[in-house]
Amino acid sequence: MVAMENAIHISDKAREKVYELMKEEGKDAATHFLRVGVVGGGCSGLSYKMDFDNELNLVIRFLKTMA
């Protein structure tokens, strides 16, 4: 289980948009999730990357390294 302090909170409207985009890409919310990352680049030196994924193992390994 992911601790709440590691969670990203989104509004209901944003959640609806994520589900809409998933559907457009042929992804199922029951098997996929929104992966959010921060990468180098952009005006501030950082930019956000978002994609749909269905493999949690990378997330779990990353969170364990952050603990």
Protein backbone atom coordinates (compact mmCIF):
# COMPACT_ATOMS: atom_id res chain seq x y z
CA MET A 1 0.00 0.00 0.00
CA VAL A 2 1.26 3.48 -0.87
CA ALA A 3 1.34 5.96 2.01
CA MET A 4 -0.94 8.96 1.53
CA GLU A 5 1.97 11.41 1.72
CA ASN A 6 3.27 9.77 -1.50
CA ALA A 7 -0.06 10.09 -3.29
CA ILE A 8 -0.95 12.72 -5.87
CA HIS A 9 -4.42 14.16 -5.43
CA ILE A 10 -6.39 15.23 -8.50
CA SER A 11 -9.77 16.88 -8.85
CA ASP A 12 -12.87 15.01 -10.00
CA LYS A 13 -12.76 16.89 -13.31
CA ALA A 14 -9.12 15.88 -13.87
CA ARG A 15 -9.95 12.25 -13.04
CA GLU A 16 -12.76 12.30 -15.61
CA LYS A 17 -10.33 13.67 -18.22
CA VAL A 18 -7.80 10.94 -17.43
CA TYR A 19 -10.48 8.27 -17.91
CA GLU A 20 -11.54 9.93 -21.18
CA LEU A 21 -7.95 9.92 -22.46
CA MET A 22 -7.53 6.28 -21.40
CA LYS A 23 -10.60 5.33 -23.36
CA GLU A 24 -9.32 7.20 -26.43
CA GLU A 25 -6.07 5.21 -26.26
CA GLY A 26 -7.89 1.91 -25.76
CA LYS A 27 -6.70 1.53 -22.15
CA ASP A 28 -8.91 0.10 -19.41
CA ALA A 29 -8.94 1.84 -16.02
CA ALA A 30 -9.27 -1.59 -14.39
CA THR A 31 -5.86 -2.64 -15.74
CA HIS A 32 -4.00 0.65 -16.31
CA PHE A 33 -3.13 3.71 -14.26
CA LEU A 34 -1.70 7.17 -14.84
CA ARG A 35 2.07 7.26 -14.32
CA VAL A 36 3.41 10.74 -13.51
CA GLY A 37 7.09 11.59 -13.52
CA VAL A 38 9.42 14.55 -13.40
CA VAL A 39 12.22 14.79 -15.94
CA GLY A 40 14.91 17.34 -16.70
CA GLY A 41 13.98 20.06 -19.18
CA GLY A 42 11.53 22.91 -19.55
CA CYS A 43 11.84 26.53 -18.44
CA SER A 44 12.39 25.72 -14.77
CA GLY A 45 14.76 22.86 -15.48
CA LEU A 46 12.03 20.28 -14.80
CA SER A 47 9.01 19.11 -16.72
CA TYR A 48 6.28 16.59 -16.03
CA LYS A 49 5.77 13.39 -17.97
CA MET A 50 2.47 11.52 -17.93
CA ASP A 51 1.63 8.20 -19.52
CA PHE A 52 -0.60 5.19 -18.98
CA ASP A 53 0.97 2.00 -17.66
CA ASN A 54 -0.10 -1.40 -16.39
CA GLU A 55 3.08 -2.51 -14.56
CA LEU A 56 3.13 -1.56 -10.88
CA ASN A 57 6.41 -3.30 -10.11
CA LEU A 58 8.47 -0.26 -11.20
CA VAL A 59 6.42 2.04 -8.97
CA ILE A 60 6.79 -0.22 -5.96
CA ARG A 61 10.56 -0.49 -6.43
CA PHE A 62 10.86 3.28 -6.76
CA LEU A 63 8.80 3.97 -3.63
CA LYS A 64 10.86 1.49 -1.65
CA THR A 65 14.05 3.36 -2.62
CA MET A 66 12.47 6.63 -1.44
CA ALA A 67 11.61 5.24 2.02
